[in-house]
Amino acid sequence: MSWEQREGGGRYYTRSHREGGRIVREYVGTGPIAELVALQDEAERKRREEEARVWREEREDLDALDAQARELDDLAELLAHAALLAAGYRRHNRGEWRKPRERSG
């Protein structure tokens, strides 16, 4: 989206958009109508940038919470392993926890 000026002519407003993988420039016009369209396009661009910023911040917050949840999960698993070992259990094949058989004798 830009204002352009050609030699011997006045200013005119164009905007670009994508059609089927190609960038196409659209002539909007000159004068007050072009000014209004340019203001609307600028407001829409600012709205999209603000929305993207909000989503980016939300994603960063969620990533931080996810990292904390993974750390808490790792600590809980470590605590569970320690409790099982303290209770006399041992890891068996395929990671199963089993209590050793009592030996008579």
C-alpha atoms as a PDB file:
ATOM      1  CA  MET A   1       0.000   0.000   0.000  1.00  0.00           C
ATOM      2  CA  SER A   2       1.570   3.210  -1.074  1.00  0.00           C
ATOM      3  CA  TRP A   3       1.156   6.611  -2.511  1.00  0.00           C
ATOM      4  CA  GLU A   4       2.951   7.080  -5.811  1.00  0.00           C
ATOM      5  CA  GLN A   5       3.703  10.028  -7.974  1.00  0.00           C
ATOM      6  CA  ARG A   6       4.592   9.876 -11.629  1.00  0.00           C
ATOM      7  CA  GLU A   7       6.272  12.592 -13.638  1.00  0.00           C
ATOM      8  CA  GLY A   8       3.741  15.117 -14.823  1.00  0.00           C
ATOM      9  CA  GLY A   9       0.965  13.598 -12.745  1.00  0.00           C
ATOM     10  CA  GLY A  10      -0.482  13.824  -9.305  1.00  0.00           C
ATOM     11  CA  ARG A  11      -0.313  11.414  -6.440  1.00  0.00           C
ATOM     12  CA  TYR A  12      -2.315   8.214  -6.568  1.00  0.00           C
ATOM     13  CA  TYR A  13      -2.850   5.377  -4.152  1.00  0.00           C
ATOM     14  CA  THR A  14      -2.193   1.714  -4.942  1.00  0.00           C
ATOM     15  CA  ARG A  15      -2.256  -1.402  -2.838  1.00  0.00           C
ATOM     16  CA  SER A  16      -0.905  -4.879  -3.435  1.00  0.00           C
ATOM     17  CA  HIS A  17      -2.451  -8.238  -2.687  1.00  0.00           C
ATOM     18  CA  ARG A  18      -1.771 -11.858  -3.519  1.00  0.00           C
ATOM     19  CA  GLU A  19      -3.766 -13.715  -6.160  1.00  0.00           C
ATOM     20  CA  GLY A  20      -2.903 -17.314  -6.873  1.00  0.00           C
ATOM     21  CA  GLY A  21       0.658 -16.975  -5.640  1.00  0.00           C
ATOM     22  CA  ARG A  22       1.305 -13.731  -7.555  1.00  0.00           C
ATOM     23  CA  ILE A  23       1.452 -10.213  -6.180  1.00  0.00           C
ATOM     24  CA  VAL A  24      -1.036  -7.965  -7.946  1.00  0.00           C
ATOM     25  CA  ARG A  25      -1.067  -4.166  -7.619  1.00  0.00           C
ATOM     26  CA  GLU A  26      -4.456  -2.558  -7.504  1.00  0.00           C
ATOM     27  CA  TYR A  27      -4.958   1.060  -8.510  1.00  0.00           C
ATOM     28  CA  VAL A  28      -7.270   2.729  -5.990  1.00  0.00           C
ATOM     29  CA  GLY A  29      -7.311   6.325  -7.158  1.00  0.00           C
ATOM     30  CA  THR A  30      -6.588   9.897  -6.196  1.00  0.00           C
ATOM     31  CA  GLY A  31      -8.214  12.556  -4.113  1.00  0.00           C
ATOM     32  CA  PRO A  32     -10.392  12.259  -1.015  1.00  0.00           C
ATOM     33  CA  ILE A  33     -11.632   8.739  -1.758  1.00  0.00           C
ATOM     34  CA  ALA A  34      -8.067   7.461  -2.077  1.00  0.00           C
ATOM     35  CA  GLU A  35      -7.178   9.284   1.157  1.00  0.00           C
ATOM     36  CA  LEU A  36     -10.055   7.542   2.924  1.00  0.00           C
ATOM     37  CA  VAL A  37      -9.106   4.118   1.546  1.00  0.00           C
ATOM     38  CA  ALA A  38      -5.469   4.724   2.580  1.00  0.00           C
ATOM     39  CA  LEU A  39      -6.596   5.572   6.123  1.00  0.00           C
ATOM     40  CA  GLN A  40      -8.762   2.447   6.277  1.00  0.00           C
ATOM     41  CA  ASP A  41      -5.891   0.292   5.021  1.00  0.00           C
ATOM     42  CA  GLU A  42      -3.548   1.807   7.619  1.00  0.00           C
ATOM     43  CA  ALA A  43      -6.069   1.191  10.411  1.00  0.00           C
ATOM     44  CA  GLU A  44      -6.507  -2.431   9.265  1.00  0.00           C
ATOM     45  CA  ARG A  45      -2.725  -2.939   9.132  1.00  0.00           C
ATOM     46  CA  LYS A  46      -2.356  -1.570  12.678  1.00  0.00           C
ATOM     47  CA  ARG A  47      -5.209  -3.799  13.886  1.00  0.00           C
ATOM     48  CA  ARG A  48      -3.530  -6.889  12.383  1.00  0.00           C
ATOM     49  CA  GLU A  49      -0.156  -5.939  13.909  1.00  0.00           C
ATOM     50  CA  GLU A  50      -1.757  -5.485  17.332  1.00  0.00           C
ATOM     51  CA  GLU A  51      -3.570  -8.804  17.021  1.00  0.00           C
ATOM     52  CA  ALA A  52      -0.311 -10.533  16.033  1.00  0.00           C
ATOM     53  CA  ARG A  53       1.460  -8.939  19.023  1.00  0.00           C
ATOM     54  CA  VAL A  54      -1.249 -10.164  21.405  1.00  0.00           C
ATOM     55  CA  TRP A  55      -1.081 -13.693  19.963  1.00  0.00           C
ATOM     56  CA  ARG A  56       2.729 -13.679  20.172  1.00  0.00           C
ATOM     57  CA  GLU A  57       2.633 -12.626  23.834  1.00  0.00           C
ATOM     58  CA  GLU A  58      -0.033 -15.252  24.571  1.00  0.00           C
ATOM     59  CA  ARG A  59       2.130 -17.910  22.896  1.00  0.00           C
ATOM     60  CA  GLU A  60       5.180 -16.843  24.929  1.00  0.00           C
ATOM     61  CA  ASP A  61       3.150 -17.050  28.150  1.00  0.00           C
ATOM     62  CA  LEU A  62       1.874 -20.518  27.226  1.00  0.00           C
ATOM     63  CA  ASP A  63       5.382 -21.697  26.326  1.00  0.00           C
ATOM     64  CA  ALA A  64       6.643 -20.531  29.739  1.00  0.00           C
ATOM     65  CA  LEU A  65       3.785 -22.361  31.499  1.00  0.00           C
ATOM     66  CA  ASP A  66       4.466 -25.462  29.425  1.00  0.00           C
ATOM     67  CA  ALA A  67       8.135 -25.421  30.451  1.00  0.00           C
ATOM     68  CA  GLN A  68       7.130 -25.123  34.106  1.00  0.00           C
ATOM     69  CA  ALA A  69       4.665 -28.006  33.750  1.00  0.00           C
ATOM     70  CA  ARG A  70       7.355 -30.213  32.139  1.00  0.00           C
ATOM     71  CA  GLU A  71       9.753 -29.390  34.984  1.00  0.00           C
ATOM     72  CA  LEU A  72       7.066 -30.204  37.576  1.00  0.00           C
ATOM     73  CA  ASP A  73       6.325 -33.486  35.779  1.00  0.00           C
ATOM     74  CA  ASP A  74      10.019 -34.428  35.815  1.00  0.00           C
ATOM     75  CA  LEU A  75      10.259 -33.652  39.540  1.00  0.00           C
ATOM     76  CA  ALA A  76       7.091 -35.649  40.322  1.00  0.00           C
ATOM     77  CA  GLU A  77       8.447 -38.633  38.412  1.00  0.00           C
ATOM     78  CA  LEU A  78      11.756 -38.400  40.291  1.00  0.00           C
ATOM     79  CA  LEU A  79       9.889 -38.235  43.613  1.00  0.00           C
ATOM     80  CA  ALA A  80       7.750 -41.262  42.676  1.00  0.00           C
ATOM     81  CA  HIS A  81      10.869 -43.264  41.750  1.00  0.00           C
ATOM     82  CA  ALA A  82      12.525 -42.343  45.043  1.00  0.00           C
ATOM     83  CA  ALA A  83       9.400 -43.362  47.006  1.00  0.00           C
ATOM     84  CA  LEU A  84       9.208 -46.706  45.192  1.00  0.00           C
ATOM     85  CA  LEU A  85      12.889 -47.407  45.806  1.00  0.00           C
ATOM     86  CA  ALA A  86      12.517 -46.475  49.472  1.00  0.00           C
ATOM     87  CA  ALA A  87       9.568 -48.883  49.753  1.00  0.00           C
ATOM     88  CA  GLY A  88      11.713 -51.735  48.449  1.00  0.00           C
ATOM     89  CA  TYR A  89      10.539 -51.826  44.829  1.00  0.00           C
ATOM     90  CA  ARG A  90      12.927 -52.369  41.926  1.00  0.00           C
ATOM     91  CA  ARG A  91      12.647 -51.770  38.213  1.00  0.00           C
ATOM     92  CA  HIS A  92      11.942 -54.923  36.279  1.00  0.00           C
ATOM     93  CA  ASN A  93      11.929 -55.606  32.528  1.00  0.00           C
ATOM     94  CA  ARG A  94      10.183 -52.976  30.420  1.00  0.00           C
ATOM     95  CA  GLY A  95      10.358 -50.495  33.268  1.00  0.00           C
ATOM     96  CA  GLU A  96       7.801 -52.172  35.531  1.00  0.00           C
ATOM     97  CA  TRP A  97       8.176 -51.635  39.256  1.00  0.00           C
ATOM     98  CA  ARG A  98       8.062 -54.824  41.335  1.00  0.00           C
ATOM     99  CA  LYS A  99       8.677 -55.666  44.902  1.00  0.00           C
ATOM    100  CA  PRO A 100      11.269 -58.431  45.288  1.00  0.00           C
ATOM    101  CA  ARG A 101       9.998 -61.797  46.477  1.00  0.00           C
ATOM    102  CA  GLU A 102      10.494 -62.592  50.104  1.00  0.00           C
ATOM    103  CA  ARG A 103      13.108 -65.298  50.407  1.00  0.00           C
ATOM    104  CA  SER A 104      12.388 -68.009  52.855  1.00  0.00           C
ATOM    105  CA  GLY A 105      15.188 -69.677  54.463  1.00  0.00           C
END
